[in-house]
Amino acid sequence: MATKNQGFQAMVELCDNCGRETSHEVSVEIRTESKKRENAEFSREPYRITQCQTCGEEKSQRMNNA
């Protein structure tokens, strides 16, 4: 689980690549999942994007698993 580091005002999360908790940049991105044009407007889903500020590893996680 992400925690807020009060000293740096950054998100601190476990980085699998670094093997420890590091500062991460966290954002939300809307992605289109359908490859078909006619269904694209119905296939947009929010993803949580995290990037480790130490090693640069980026992860994305779908937020709506309906």
Protein backbone atom coordinates (compact mmCIF):
# COMPACT_ATOMS: atom_id res chain seq x y z
CA MET A 1 0.00 0.00 0.00
CA ALA A 2 1.23 3.48 -0.82
CA THR A 3 2.02 5.89 1.97
CA LYS A 4 2.62 9.61 1.91
CA ASN A 5 6.12 10.59 3.02
CA GLN A 6 5.61 13.90 4.82
CA GLY A 7 9.24 15.03 4.40
CA PHE A 8 9.33 14.89 0.61
CA GLN A 9 5.62 15.04 -0.25
CA ALA A 10 6.08 11.98 -2.49
CA MET A 11 4.37 8.60 -2.62
CA VAL A 12 6.48 5.85 -1.07
CA GLU A 13 5.79 2.33 -2.33
CA LEU A 14 7.53 -1.01 -2.51
CA CYS A 15 9.51 -1.30 -5.76
CA ASP A 16 9.89 -4.92 -6.88
CA ASN A 17 12.91 -3.99 -9.00
CA CYS A 18 14.76 -2.14 -6.20
CA GLY A 19 13.55 -4.54 -3.50
CA ARG A 20 12.71 -1.74 -1.06
CA GLU A 21 10.36 1.18 -0.51
CA THR A 22 11.21 4.13 -2.74
CA SER A 23 9.60 7.39 -3.88
CA HIS A 24 7.18 6.94 -6.77
CA GLU A 25 5.44 9.32 -9.13
CA VAL A 26 1.78 8.26 -9.26
CA SER A 27 -0.81 9.25 -11.87
CA VAL A 28 -4.11 8.07 -13.35
CA GLU A 29 -4.48 7.53 -17.09
CA ILE A 30 -7.57 6.68 -19.17
CA ARG A 31 -6.71 3.93 -21.66
CA THR A 32 -8.74 2.58 -24.56
CA GLU A 33 -8.72 -1.21 -24.44
CA SER A 34 -10.62 -2.10 -27.62
CA LYS A 35 -8.74 -2.38 -30.90
CA LYS A 36 -12.01 -1.86 -32.85
CA ARG A 37 -12.87 1.74 -33.70
CA GLU A 38 -16.62 1.30 -33.33
CA ASN A 39 -16.27 0.10 -29.71
CA ALA A 40 -13.45 2.38 -28.59
CA GLU A 41 -15.71 4.87 -26.82
CA PHE A 42 -17.08 2.10 -24.61
CA SER A 43 -13.76 0.50 -23.71
CA ARG A 44 -11.98 3.29 -21.84
CA GLU A 45 -10.79 2.33 -18.38
CA PRO A 46 -8.81 4.15 -15.66
CA TYR A 47 -5.31 2.84 -14.90
CA ARG A 48 -3.07 3.73 -11.95
CA ILE A 49 0.45 4.38 -13.25
CA THR A 50 3.43 4.34 -10.87
CA GLN A 51 7.05 5.10 -11.73
CA CYS A 52 9.91 4.48 -9.32
CA GLN A 53 12.00 7.62 -8.92
CA THR A 54 15.09 5.52 -8.12
CA CYS A 55 15.24 2.96 -10.95
CA GLY A 56 12.57 4.24 -13.37
CA GLU A 57 10.48 1.04 -13.42
CA GLU A 58 6.90 1.78 -14.44
CA LYS A 59 3.83 -0.28 -13.55
CA SER A 60 0.20 0.07 -14.50
CA GLN A 61 -2.85 -1.40 -12.78
CA ARG A 62 -6.42 -1.34 -14.06
CA MET A 63 -8.57 0.38 -11.44
CA ASN A 64 -12.01 -0.77 -12.59
CA ASN A 65 -12.29 -4.55 -12.70
CA ALA A 66 -16.01 -4.69 -13.51
